[in-house]
Amino acid sequence: MSHYAKVENGIVTNVIVAEEEFFDTFVDTTPGEWIQTSYNTRGGVHILGGTPLRKNFACIGMLYDADADAFHHPQPYDSWTLNTETYKWEPPVAYPDDGNNYTWNENEQRWDSA
């Protein structure tokens, strides 16, 4: 079984599990197209060692960049940039690795203790 994302105007509106043959007889009159996505692909890496597919597993609300053939989340903050290798958003300051929890403070451009 594979996963497929329904993409309308670049936005994922649905994700289903189906065999490829399902689409041979499936009638869908709603706008958009179905695009295969891989549950095991994250940040451009297949976590089980296989071939990655479209950079990230698609979820409802994510975006699909047709030119890059990649799924990614919407930009979380204006200061964050999209890594075009992983198609994940990166903050201007790295997340602290001290084991504590933090939230991003966009006004101060820093991580604050949660």
PDB file of N, CA and C in Angstrom:
ATOM      1  N   MET A   1       0.840  -1.184   0.000  1.00  0.00           N
ATOM      2  CA  MET A   1       0.000   0.000   0.000  1.00  0.00           C
ATOM      3  C   MET A   1       0.881   1.242   0.000  1.00  0.00           C
ATOM      4  N   SER A   2       0.384   2.257  -0.642  1.00  0.00           N
ATOM      5  CA  SER A   2       1.093   3.522  -0.739  1.00  0.00           C
ATOM      6  C   SER A   2       0.212   4.640  -0.201  1.00  0.00           C
ATOM      7  N   HIS A   3       0.809   5.771   0.040  1.00  0.00           N
ATOM      8  CA  HIS A   3       0.090   6.959   0.474  1.00  0.00           C
ATOM      9  C   HIS A   3       0.025   7.939  -0.689  1.00  0.00           C
ATOM     10  N   TYR A   4      -1.102   8.628  -0.794  1.00  0.00           N
ATOM     11  CA  TYR A   4      -1.302   9.622  -1.836  1.00  0.00           C
ATOM     12  C   TYR A   4      -1.886  10.879  -1.205  1.00  0.00           C
ATOM     13  N   ALA A   5      -1.369  12.027  -1.640  1.00  0.00           N
ATOM     14  CA  ALA A   5      -1.842  13.317  -1.151  1.00  0.00           C
ATOM     15  C   ALA A   5      -2.661  13.995  -2.237  1.00  0.00           C
ATOM     16  N   LYS A   6      -3.813  14.535  -1.860  1.00  0.00           N
ATOM     17  CA  LYS A   6      -4.622  15.346  -2.777  1.00  0.00           C
ATOM     18  C   LYS A   6      -4.107  16.773  -2.658  1.00  0.00           C
ATOM     19  N   VAL A   7      -3.677  17.329  -3.788  1.00  0.00           N
ATOM     20  CA  VAL A   7      -3.098  18.670  -3.805  1.00  0.00           C
ATOM     21  C   VAL A   7      -3.970  19.570  -4.658  1.00  0.00           C
ATOM     22  N   GLU A   8      -4.427  20.655  -4.052  1.00  0.00           N
ATOM     23  CA  GLU A   8      -5.229  21.647  -4.764  1.00  0.00           C
ATOM     24  C   GLU A   8      -4.573  23.008  -4.581  1.00  0.00           C
ATOM     25  N   ASN A   9      -4.215  23.639  -5.678  1.00  0.00           N
ATOM     26  CA  ASN A   9      -3.538  24.942  -5.637  1.00  0.00           C
ATOM     27  C   ASN A   9      -2.301  24.922  -4.745  1.00  0.00           C
ATOM     28  N   GLY A  10      -1.571  23.816  -4.790  1.00  0.00           N
ATOM     29  CA  GLY A  10      -0.333  23.713  -4.041  1.00  0.00           C
ATOM     30  C   GLY A  10      -0.474  23.352  -2.572  1.00  0.00           C
ATOM     31  N   ILE A  11      -1.703  23.099  -2.114  1.00  0.00           N
ATOM     32  CA  ILE A  11      -1.952  22.779  -0.703  1.00  0.00           C
ATOM     33  C   ILE A  11      -2.504  21.366  -0.585  1.00  0.00           C
ATOM     34  N   VAL A  12      -1.951  20.590   0.347  1.00  0.00           N
ATOM     35  CA  VAL A  12      -2.438  19.230   0.587  1.00  0.00           C
ATOM     36  C   VAL A  12      -3.759  19.321   1.334  1.00  0.00           C
ATOM     37  N   THR A  13      -4.809  18.723   0.740  1.00  0.00           N
ATOM     38  CA  THR A  13      -6.136  18.771   1.348  1.00  0.00           C
ATOM     39  C   THR A  13      -6.590  17.422   1.893  1.00  0.00           C
ATOM     40  N   ASN A  14      -5.877  16.348   1.518  1.00  0.00           N
ATOM     41  CA  ASN A  14      -6.253  15.020   1.979  1.00  0.00           C
ATOM     42  C   ASN A  14      -5.075  14.079   1.749  1.00  0.00           C
ATOM     43  N   VAL A  15      -4.994  13.032   2.551  1.00  0.00           N
ATOM     44  CA  VAL A  15      -3.997  11.982   2.370  1.00  0.00           C
ATOM     45  C   VAL A  15      -4.707  10.652   2.575  1.00  0.00           C
ATOM     46  N   ILE A  16      -4.501   9.714   1.640  1.00  0.00           N
ATOM     47  CA  ILE A  16      -5.134   8.405   1.742  1.00  0.00           C
ATOM     48  C   ILE A  16      -4.093   7.302   1.547  1.00  0.00           C
ATOM     49  N   VAL A  17      -4.480   6.097   1.939  1.00  0.00           N
ATOM     50  CA  VAL A  17      -3.679   4.904   1.695  1.00  0.00           C
ATOM     51  C   VAL A  17      -4.401   4.109   0.615  1.00  0.00           C
ATOM     52  N   ALA A  18      -3.687   3.749  -0.449  1.00  0.00           N
ATOM     53  CA  ALA A  18      -4.320   3.015  -1.556  1.00  0.00           C
ATOM     54  C   ALA A  18      -3.257   2.317  -2.387  1.00  0.00           C
ATOM     55  N   GLU A  19      -3.697   1.315  -3.123  1.00  0.00           N
ATOM     56  CA  GLU A  19      -2.842   0.691  -4.128  1.00  0.00           C
ATOM     57  C   GLU A  19      -2.862   1.582  -5.371  1.00  0.00           C
ATOM     58  N   GLU A  20      -1.815   1.554  -6.153  1.00  0.00           N
ATOM     59  CA  GLU A  20      -1.747   2.368  -7.365  1.00  0.00           C
ATOM     60  C   GLU A  20      -2.912   2.055  -8.298  1.00  0.00           C
ATOM     61  N   GLU A  21      -3.320   0.790  -8.353  1.00  0.00           N
ATOM     62  CA  GLU A  21      -4.425   0.376  -9.232  1.00  0.00           C
ATOM     63  C   GLU A  21      -5.754   1.021  -8.831  1.00  0.00           C
ATOM     64  N   PHE A  22      -5.874   1.443  -7.599  1.00  0.00           N
ATOM     65  CA  PHE A  22      -7.083   2.108  -7.125  1.00  0.00           C
ATOM     66  C   PHE A  22      -7.436   3.287  -8.028  1.00  0.00           C
ATOM     67  N   PHE A  23      -6.414   4.000  -8.478  1.00  0.00           N
ATOM     68  CA  PHE A  23      -6.644   5.196  -9.288  1.00  0.00           C
ATOM     69  C   PHE A  23      -7.048   4.869 -10.722  1.00  0.00           C
ATOM     70  N   ASP A  24      -6.955   3.590 -11.125  1.00  0.00           N
ATOM     71  CA  ASP A  24      -7.412   3.184 -12.450  1.00  0.00           C
ATOM     72  C   ASP A  24      -8.927   3.288 -12.574  1.00  0.00           C
ATOM     73  N   THR A  25      -9.636   3.094 -11.469  1.00  0.00           N
ATOM     74  CA  THR A  25     -11.100   3.112 -11.497  1.00  0.00           C
ATOM     75  C   THR A  25     -11.705   4.192 -10.601  1.00  0.00           C
ATOM     76  N   PHE A  26     -10.896   4.829  -9.771  1.00  0.00           N
ATOM     77  CA  PHE A  26     -11.370   5.864  -8.851  1.00  0.00           C
ATOM     78  C   PHE A  26     -11.818   7.089  -9.627  1.00  0.00           C
ATOM     79  N   VAL A  27     -13.019   7.551  -9.337  1.00  0.00           N
ATOM     80  CA  VAL A  27     -13.538   8.759  -9.974  1.00  0.00           C
ATOM     81  C   VAL A  27     -13.571   9.859  -8.930  1.00  0.00           C
ATOM     82  N   ASP A  28     -12.809  10.884  -9.177  1.00  0.00           N
ATOM     83  CA  ASP A  28     -12.726  12.022  -8.256  1.00  0.00           C
ATOM     84  C   ASP A  28     -13.009  13.277  -9.053  1.00  0.00           C
ATOM     85  N   THR A  29     -14.129  13.910  -8.784  1.00  0.00           N
ATOM     86  CA  THR A  29     -14.518  15.095  -9.538  1.00  0.00           C
ATOM     87  C   THR A  29     -14.131  16.391  -8.817  1.00  0.00           C
ATOM     88  N   THR A  30     -13.488  16.272  -7.665  1.00  0.00           N
ATOM     89  CA  THR A  30     -13.065  17.476  -6.948  1.00  0.00           C
ATOM     90  C   THR A  30     -11.787  18.017  -7.566  1.00  0.00           C
ATOM     91  N   PRO A  31     -11.540  19.315  -7.433  1.00  0.00           N
ATOM     92  CA  PRO A  31     -10.331  19.903  -8.016  1.00  0.00           C
ATOM     93  C   PRO A  31      -9.054  19.352  -7.374  1.00  0.00           C
ATOM     94  N   GLY A  32      -7.985  19.395  -8.122  1.00  0.00           N
ATOM     95  CA  GLY A  32      -6.692  18.972  -7.598  1.00  0.00           C
ATOM     96  C   GLY A  32      -6.221  17.682  -8.224  1.00  0.00           C
ATOM     97  N   GLU A  33      -5.047  17.245  -7.757  1.00  0.00           N
ATOM     98  CA  GLU A  33      -4.484  15.999  -8.267  1.00  0.00           C
ATOM     99  C   GLU A  33      -3.948  15.168  -7.115  1.00  0.00           C
ATOM    100  N   TRP A  34      -3.904  13.862  -7.326  1.00  0.00           N
ATOM    101  CA  TRP A  34      -3.359  12.927  -6.347  1.00  0.00           C
ATOM    102  C   TRP A  34      -1.889  12.683  -6.656  1.00  0.00           C
ATOM    103  N   ILE A  35      -1.046  12.861  -5.633  1.00  0.00           N
ATOM    104  CA  ILE A  35       0.400  12.715  -5.792  1.00  0.00           C
ATOM    105  C   ILE A  35       0.901  11.748  -4.721  1.00  0.00           C
ATOM    106  N   GLN A  36       1.683  10.770  -5.144  1.00  0.00           N
ATOM    107  CA  GLN A  36       2.199   9.785  -4.191  1.00  0.00           C
ATOM    108  C   GLN A  36       3.164  10.448  -3.207  1.00  0.00           C
ATOM    109  N   THR A  37       3.103   9.998  -1.956  1.00  0.00           N
ATOM    110  CA  THR A  37       3.978  10.480  -0.902  1.00  0.00           C
ATOM    111  C   THR A  37       4.476   9.277  -0.114  1.00  0.00           C
ATOM    112  N   SER A  38       5.603   9.419   0.524  1.00  0.00           N
ATOM    113  CA  SER A  38       6.183   8.291   1.257  1.00  0.00           C
ATOM    114  C   SER A  38       6.164   8.544   2.756  1.00  0.00           C
ATOM    115  N   TYR A  39       5.496   7.647   3.477  1.00  0.00           N
ATOM    116  CA  TYR A  39       5.425   7.723   4.938  1.00  0.00           C
ATOM    117  C   TYR A  39       6.815   7.681   5.568  1.00  0.00           C
ATOM    118  N   ASN A  40       7.760   7.069   4.901  1.00  0.00           N
ATOM    119  CA  ASN A  40       9.102   6.885   5.449  1.00  0.00           C
ATOM    120  C   ASN A  40      10.106   7.938   4.996  1.00  0.00           C
ATOM    121  N   THR A  41       9.652   8.980   4.313  1.00  0.00           N
ATOM    122  CA  THR A  41      10.562  10.031   3.863  1.00  0.00           C
ATOM    123  C   THR A  41      10.410  11.257   4.738  1.00  0.00           C
ATOM    124  N   ARG A  42      11.560  11.679   5.295  1.00  0.00           N
ATOM    125  CA  ARG A  42      11.587  12.869   6.153  1.00  0.00           C
ATOM    126  C   ARG A  42      12.881  13.633   5.872  1.00  0.00           C
ATOM    127  N   GLY A  43      12.743  14.885   5.530  1.00  0.00           N
ATOM    128  CA  GLY A  43      13.925  15.707   5.286  1.00  0.00           C
ATOM    129  C   GLY A  43      14.781  15.225   4.130  1.00  0.00           C
ATOM    130  N   GLY A  44      14.153  14.605   3.149  1.00  0.00           N
ATOM    131  CA  GLY A  44      14.875  14.116   1.980  1.00  0.00           C
ATOM    132  C   GLY A  44      15.591  12.799   2.192  1.00  0.00           C
ATOM    133  N   VAL A  45      15.296  12.135   3.322  1.00  0.00           N
ATOM    134  CA  VAL A  45      15.938  10.857   3.646  1.00  0.00           C
ATOM    135  C   VAL A  45      14.856   9.811   3.894  1.00  0.00           C
ATOM    136  N   HIS A  46      15.030   8.636   3.324  1.00  0.00           N
ATOM    137  CA  HIS A  46      14.132   7.517   3.595  1.00  0.00           C
ATOM    138  C   HIS A  46      14.639   6.859   4.875  1.00  0.00           C
ATOM    139  N   ILE A  47      13.842   6.867   5.937  1.00  0.00           N
ATOM    140  CA  ILE A  47      14.319   6.426   7.257  1.00  0.00           C
ATOM    141  C   ILE A  47      14.636   4.934   7.319  1.00  0.00           C
ATOM    142  N   LEU A  48      14.184   4.163   6.330  1.00  0.00           N
ATOM    143  CA  LEU A  48      14.486   2.734   6.303  1.00  0.00           C
ATOM    144  C   LEU A  48      15.576   2.406   5.282  1.00  0.00           C
ATOM    145  N   GLY A  49      16.195   3.441   4.732  1.00  0.00           N
ATOM    146  CA  GLY A  49      17.285   3.233   3.785  1.00  0.00           C
ATOM    147  C   GLY A  49      16.860   3.115   2.339  1.00  0.00           C
ATOM    148  N   GLY A  50      15.582   3.266   2.064  1.00  0.00           N
ATOM    149  CA  GLY A  50      15.100   3.182   0.689  1.00  0.00           C
ATOM    150  C   GLY A  50      15.301   4.489  -0.052  1.00  0.00           C
ATOM    151  N   THR A  51      14.643   4.608  -1.173  1.00  0.00           N
ATOM    152  CA  THR A  51      14.727   5.816  -1.988  1.00  0.00           C
ATOM    153  C   THR A  51      13.739   6.851  -1.475  1.00  0.00           C
ATOM    154  N   PRO A  52      14.209   8.043  -1.104  1.00  0.00           N
ATOM    155  CA  PRO A  52      13.283   9.078  -0.610  1.00  0.00           C
ATOM    156  C   PRO A  52      12.360   9.563  -1.721  1.00  0.00           C
ATOM    157  N   LEU A  53      11.169   9.987  -1.339  1.00  0.00           N
ATOM    158  CA  LEU A  53      10.173  10.456  -2.308  1.00  0.00           C
ATOM    159  C   LEU A  53       9.627  11.811  -1.878  1.00  0.00           C
ATOM    160  N   ARG A  54       9.855  12.812  -2.658  1.00  0.00           N
ATOM    161  CA  ARG A  54       9.286  14.159  -2.504  1.00  0.00           C
ATOM    162  C   ARG A  54       9.622  14.818  -1.168  1.00  0.00           C
ATOM    163  N   LYS A  55      10.825  14.560  -0.693  1.00  0.00           N
ATOM    164  CA  LYS A  55      11.461  15.225   0.454  1.00  0.00           C
ATOM    165  C   LYS A  55      10.819  14.963   1.813  1.00  0.00           C
ATOM    166  N   ASN A  56       9.475  15.001   1.917  1.00  0.00           N
ATOM    167  CA  ASN A  56       8.784  14.791   3.191  1.00  0.00           C
ATOM    168  C   ASN A  56       7.440  14.117   2.964  1.00  0.00           C
ATOM    169  N   PHE A  57       7.010  13.344   3.954  1.00  0.00           N
ATOM    170  CA  PHE A  57       5.676  12.752   3.914  1.00  0.00           C
ATOM    171  C   PHE A  57       4.651  13.871   3.993  1.00  0.00           C
ATOM    172  N   ALA A  58       3.691  13.851   3.107  1.00  0.00           N
ATOM    173  CA  ALA A  58       2.681  14.906   3.048  1.00  0.00           C
ATOM    174  C   ALA A  58       1.637  14.744   4.143  1.00  0.00           C
ATOM    175  N   CYS A  59       1.238  15.864   4.714  1.00  0.00           N
ATOM    176  CA  CYS A  59       0.154  15.928   5.699  1.00  0.00           C
ATOM    177  C   CYS A  59      -0.783  17.048   5.264  1.00  0.00           C
ATOM    178  N   ILE A  60      -2.020  16.959   5.701  1.00  0.00           N
ATOM    179  CA  ILE A  60      -3.003  17.990   5.371  1.00  0.00           C
ATOM    180  C   ILE A  60      -2.471  19.347   5.836  1.00  0.00           C
ATOM    181  N   GLY A  61      -2.558  20.329   4.953  1.00  0.00           N
ATOM    182  CA  GLY A  61      -2.104  21.679   5.254  1.00  0.00           C
ATOM    183  C   GLY A  61      -0.690  21.966   4.779  1.00  0.00           C
ATOM    184  N   MET A  62       0.047  20.925   4.425  1.00  0.00           N
ATOM    185  CA  MET A  62       1.389  21.141   3.888  1.00  0.00           C
ATOM    186  C   MET A  62       1.290  21.696   2.472  1.00  0.00           C
ATOM    187  N   LEU A  63       2.419  22.140   1.958  1.00  0.00           N
ATOM    188  CA  LEU A  63       2.487  22.694   0.613  1.00  0.00           C
ATOM    189  C   LEU A  63       3.227  21.732  -0.302  1.00  0.00           C
ATOM    190  N   TYR A  64       2.870  21.769  -1.575  1.00  0.00           N
ATOM    191  CA  TYR A  64       3.573  20.978  -2.576  1.00  0.00           C
ATOM    192  C   TYR A  64       4.199  21.925  -3.573  1.00  0.00           C
ATOM    193  N   ASP A  65       5.521  21.863  -3.702  1.00  0.00           N
ATOM    194  CA  ASP A  65       6.268  22.660  -4.666  1.00  0.00           C
ATOM    195  C   ASP A  65       6.461  21.791  -5.905  1.00  0.00           C
ATOM    196  N   ALA A  66       5.676  22.047  -6.927  1.00  0.00           N
ATOM    197  CA  ALA A  66       5.711  21.214  -8.134  1.00  0.00           C
ATOM    198  C   ALA A  66       7.050  21.327  -8.861  1.00  0.00           C
ATOM    199  N   ASP A  67       7.663  22.496  -8.859  1.00  0.00           N
ATOM    200  CA  ASP A  67       8.951  22.669  -9.537  1.00  0.00           C
ATOM    201  C   ASP A  67      10.034  21.823  -8.877  1.00  0.00           C
ATOM    202  N   ALA A  68      10.007  21.751  -7.557  1.00  0.00           N
ATOM    203  CA  ALA A  68      10.997  20.959  -6.820  1.00  0.00           C
ATOM    204  C   ALA A  68      10.515  19.534  -6.567  1.00  0.00           C
ATOM    205  N   ASP A  69       9.241  19.274  -6.851  1.00  0.00           N
ATOM    206  CA  ASP A  69       8.628  17.972  -6.576  1.00  0.00           C
ATOM    207  C   ASP A  69       8.835  17.600  -5.105  1.00  0.00           C
ATOM    208  N   ALA A  70       8.431  18.539  -4.221  1.00  0.00           N
ATOM    209  CA  ALA A  70       8.680  18.364  -2.793  1.00  0.00           C
ATOM    210  C   ALA A  70       7.510  18.867  -1.952  1.00  0.00           C
ATOM    211  N   PHE A  71       7.224  18.133  -0.869  1.00  0.00           N
ATOM    212  CA  PHE A  71       6.245  18.562   0.124  1.00  0.00           C
ATOM    213  C   PHE A  71       6.983  19.255   1.270  1.00  0.00           C
ATOM    214  N   HIS A  72       6.376  20.319   1.801  1.00  0.00           N
ATOM    215  CA  HIS A  72       6.942  20.983   2.983  1.00  0.00           C
ATOM    216  C   HIS A  72       5.850  21.733   3.725  1.00  0.00           C
ATOM    217  N   HIS A  73       6.136  22.032   4.974  1.00  0.00           N
ATOM    218  CA  HIS A  73       5.198  22.807   5.802  1.00  0.00           C
ATOM    219  C   HIS A  73       5.217  24.272   5.374  1.00  0.00           C
ATOM    220  N   PRO A  74       4.149  25.017   5.679  1.00  0.00           N
ATOM    221  CA  PRO A  74       4.178  26.463   5.449  1.00  0.00           C
ATOM    222  C   PRO A  74       5.249  27.103   6.341  1.00  0.00           C
ATOM    223  N   GLN A  75       5.719  28.257   5.955  1.00  0.00           N
ATOM    224  CA  GLN A  75       6.748  28.949   6.728  1.00  0.00           C
ATOM    225  C   GLN A  75       6.204  29.299   8.113  1.00  0.00           C
ATOM    226  N   PRO A  76       6.863  28.812   9.187  1.00  0.00           N
ATOM    227  CA  PRO A  76       6.347  29.048  10.529  1.00  0.00           C
ATOM    228  C   PRO A  76       6.579  30.471  11.038  1.00  0.00           C
ATOM    229  N   TYR A  77       7.691  31.089  10.647  1.00  0.00           N
ATOM    230  CA  TYR A  77       8.030  32.451  11.071  1.00  0.00           C
ATOM    231  C   TYR A  77       8.720  33.154   9.902  1.00  0.00           C
ATOM    232  N   ASP A  78       8.577  34.460   9.838  1.00  0.00           N
ATOM    233  CA  ASP A  78       9.172  35.229   8.744  1.00  0.00           C
ATOM    234  C   ASP A  78      10.690  35.088   8.689  1.00  0.00           C
ATOM    235  N   SER A  79      11.322  34.895   9.828  1.00  0.00           N
ATOM    236  CA  SER A  79      12.785  34.838   9.860  1.00  0.00           C
ATOM    237  C   SER A  79      13.357  33.479   9.453  1.00  0.00           C
ATOM    238  N   TRP A  80      12.529  32.465   9.360  1.00  0.00           N
ATOM    239  CA  TRP A  80      13.014  31.119   9.049  1.00  0.00           C
ATOM    240  C   TRP A  80      13.174  30.952   7.545  1.00  0.00           C
ATOM    241  N   THR A  81      14.158  30.162   7.136  1.00  0.00           N
ATOM    242  CA  THR A  81      14.415  29.930   5.713  1.00  0.00           C
ATOM    243  C   THR A  81      14.232  28.452   5.374  1.00  0.00           C
ATOM    244  N   LEU A  82      13.820  28.216   4.158  1.00  0.00           N
ATOM    245  CA  LEU A  82      13.587  26.855   3.701  1.00  0.00           C
ATOM    246  C   LEU A  82      14.890  26.244   3.194  1.00  0.00           C
ATOM    247  N   ASN A  83      15.274  25.134   3.789  1.00  0.00           N
ATOM    248  CA  ASN A  83      16.447  24.385   3.335  1.00  0.00           C
ATOM    249  C   ASN A  83      16.002  23.596   2.103  1.00  0.00           C
ATOM    250  N   THR A  84      16.562  23.888   0.957  1.00  0.00           N
ATOM    251  CA  THR A  84      16.107  23.247  -0.269  1.00  0.00           C
ATOM    252  C   THR A  84      16.726  21.870  -0.496  1.00  0.00           C
ATOM    253  N   GLU A  85      17.516  21.396   0.444  1.00  0.00           N
ATOM    254  CA  GLU A  85      17.974  19.999   0.417  1.00  0.00           C
ATOM    255  C   GLU A  85      16.973  19.116   1.162  1.00  0.00           C
ATOM    256  N   THR A  86      16.500  19.602   2.319  1.00  0.00           N
ATOM    257  CA  THR A  86      15.600  18.823   3.168  1.00  0.00           C
ATOM    258  C   THR A  86      14.138  19.250   3.034  1.00  0.00           C
ATOM    259  N   TYR A  87      13.916  20.435   2.541  1.00  0.00           N
ATOM    260  CA  TYR A  87      12.600  21.062   2.495  1.00  0.00           C
ATOM    261  C   TYR A  87      11.976  21.140   3.889  1.00  0.00           C
ATOM    262  N   LYS A  88      12.818  21.507   4.844  1.00  0.00           N
ATOM    263  CA  LYS A  88      12.397  21.812   6.203  1.00  0.00           C
ATOM    264  C   LYS A  88      12.817  23.244   6.499  1.00  0.00           C
ATOM    265  N   TRP A  89      12.030  23.912   7.349  1.00  0.00           N
ATOM    266  CA  TRP A  89      12.311  25.300   7.718  1.00  0.00           C
ATOM    267  C   TRP A  89      13.367  25.344   8.811  1.00  0.00           C
ATOM    268  N   GLU A  90      14.293  26.295   8.678  1.00  0.00           N
ATOM    269  CA  GLU A  90      15.371  26.426   9.638  1.00  0.00           C
ATOM    270  C   GLU A  90      15.361  27.819  10.258  1.00  0.00           C
ATOM    271  N   PRO A  91      15.497  27.888  11.581  1.00  0.00           N
ATOM    272  CA  PRO A  91      15.530  29.186  12.252  1.00  0.00           C
ATOM    273  C   PRO A  91      16.893  29.852  12.059  1.00  0.00           C
ATOM    274  N   PRO A  92      16.953  31.161  12.267  1.00  0.00           N
ATOM    275  CA  PRO A  92      18.237  31.847  12.132  1.00  0.00           C
ATOM    276  C   PRO A  92      19.216  31.507  13.259  1.00  0.00           C
ATOM    277  N   VAL A  93      18.699  30.933  14.340  1.00  0.00           N
ATOM    278  CA  VAL A  93      19.513  30.504  15.476  1.00  0.00           C
ATOM    279  C   VAL A  93      19.176  29.037  15.739  1.00  0.00           C
ATOM    280  N   ALA A  94      20.175  28.198  15.824  1.00  0.00           N
ATOM    281  CA  ALA A  94      19.948  26.761  16.036  1.00  0.00           C
ATOM    282  C   ALA A  94      19.245  26.492  17.371  1.00  0.00           C
ATOM    283  N   TYR A  95      18.416  25.458  17.369  1.00  0.00           N
ATOM    284  CA  TYR A  95      17.724  25.031  18.583  1.00  0.00           C
ATOM    285  C   TYR A  95      18.771  24.532  19.586  1.00  0.00           C
ATOM    286  N   PRO A  96      18.684  24.973  20.851  1.00  0.00           N
ATOM    287  CA  PRO A  96      19.659  24.514  21.852  1.00  0.00           C
ATOM    288  C   PRO A  96      19.602  23.000  22.034  1.00  0.00           C
ATOM    289  N   ASP A  97      20.741  22.391  22.235  1.00  0.00           N
ATOM    290  CA  ASP A  97      20.786  20.932  22.389  1.00  0.00           C
ATOM    291  C   ASP A  97      21.127  20.520  23.818  1.00  0.00           C
ATOM    292  N   ASP A  98      20.593  21.265  24.794  1.00  0.00           N
ATOM    293  CA  ASP A  98      20.876  20.981  26.204  1.00  0.00           C
ATOM    294  C   ASP A  98      19.826  20.099  26.870  1.00  0.00           C
ATOM    295  N   GLY A  99      18.865  19.592  26.067  1.00  0.00           N
ATOM    296  CA  GLY A  99      17.847  18.699  26.607  1.00  0.00           C
ATOM    297  C   GLY A  99      16.625  19.409  27.166  1.00  0.00           C
ATOM    298  N   ASN A 100      16.627  20.734  27.217  1.00  0.00           N
ATOM    299  CA  ASN A 100      15.468  21.490  27.703  1.00  0.00           C
ATOM    300  C   ASN A 100      14.531  21.813  26.543  1.00  0.00           C
ATOM    301  N   ASN A 101      13.310  22.232  26.884  1.00  0.00           N
ATOM    302  CA  ASN A 101      12.321  22.598  25.868  1.00  0.00           C
ATOM    303  C   ASN A 101      12.328  24.107  25.665  1.00  0.00           C
ATOM    304  N   TYR A 102      12.187  24.519  24.403  1.00  0.00           N
ATOM    305  CA  TYR A 102      12.212  25.927  24.049  1.00  0.00           C
ATOM    306  C   TYR A 102      11.114  26.240  23.041  1.00  0.00           C
ATOM    307  N   THR A 103      10.722  27.494  23.012  1.00  0.00           N
ATOM    308  CA  THR A 103       9.815  28.000  21.978  1.00  0.00           C
ATOM    309  C   THR A 103      10.513  29.165  21.284  1.00  0.00           C
ATOM    310  N   TRP A 104      10.209  29.334  20.013  1.00  0.00           N
ATOM    311  CA  TRP A 104      10.849  30.394  19.246  1.00  0.00           C
ATOM    312  C   TRP A 104      10.208  31.733  19.557  1.00  0.00           C
ATOM    313  N   ASN A 105      11.026  32.738  19.826  1.00  0.00           N
ATOM    314  CA  ASN A 105      10.588  34.111  20.058  1.00  0.00           C
ATOM    315  C   ASN A 105      10.949  34.905  18.807  1.00  0.00           C
ATOM    316  N   GLU A 106       9.969  35.129  17.949  1.00  0.00           N
ATOM    317  CA  GLU A 106      10.219  35.798  16.673  1.00  0.00           C
ATOM    318  C   GLU A 106      10.661  37.252  16.868  1.00  0.00           C
ATOM    319  N   ASN A 107      10.076  37.948  17.847  1.00  0.00           N
ATOM    320  CA  ASN A 107      10.435  39.357  18.070  1.00  0.00           C
ATOM    321  C   ASN A 107      11.889  39.519  18.477  1.00  0.00           C
ATOM    322  N   GLU A 108      12.366  38.618  19.326  1.00  0.00           N
ATOM    323  CA  GLU A 108      13.742  38.719  19.824  1.00  0.00           C
ATOM    324  C   GLU A 108      14.718  37.848  19.024  1.00  0.00           C
ATOM    325  N   GLN A 109      14.196  37.057  18.097  1.00  0.00           N
ATOM    326  CA  GLN A 109      15.025  36.157  17.282  1.00  0.00           C
ATOM    327  C   GLN A 109      15.869  35.234  18.145  1.00  0.00           C
ATOM    328  N   ARG A 110      15.176  34.556  19.109  1.00  0.00           N
ATOM    329  CA  ARG A 110      15.886  33.666  20.016  1.00  0.00           C
ATOM    330  C   ARG A 110      14.947  32.569  20.504  1.00  0.00           C
ATOM    331  N   TRP A 111      15.551  31.547  21.103  1.00  0.00           N
ATOM    332  CA  TRP A 111      14.797  30.468  21.738  1.00  0.00           C
ATOM    333  C   TRP A 111      14.595  30.809  23.210  1.00  0.00           C
ATOM    334  N   ASP A 112      13.342  30.770  23.676  1.00  0.00           N
ATOM    335  CA  ASP A 112      13.027  31.017  25.080  1.00  0.00           C
ATOM    336  C   ASP A 112      12.653  29.708  25.750  1.00  0.00           C
ATOM    337  N   SER A 113      13.018  29.563  27.023  1.00  0.00           N
ATOM    338  CA  SER A 113      12.648  28.361  27.783  1.00  0.00           C
ATOM    339  C   SER A 113      11.135  28.199  27.780  1.00  0.00           C
ATOM    340  N   ALA A 114      10.700  26.983  27.594  1.00  0.00           N
ATOM    341  CA  ALA A 114       9.255  26.695  27.549  1.00  0.00           C
ATOM    342  C   ALA A 114       8.705  26.493  28.943  1.00  0.00           C
TER     343      ALA A 114
END
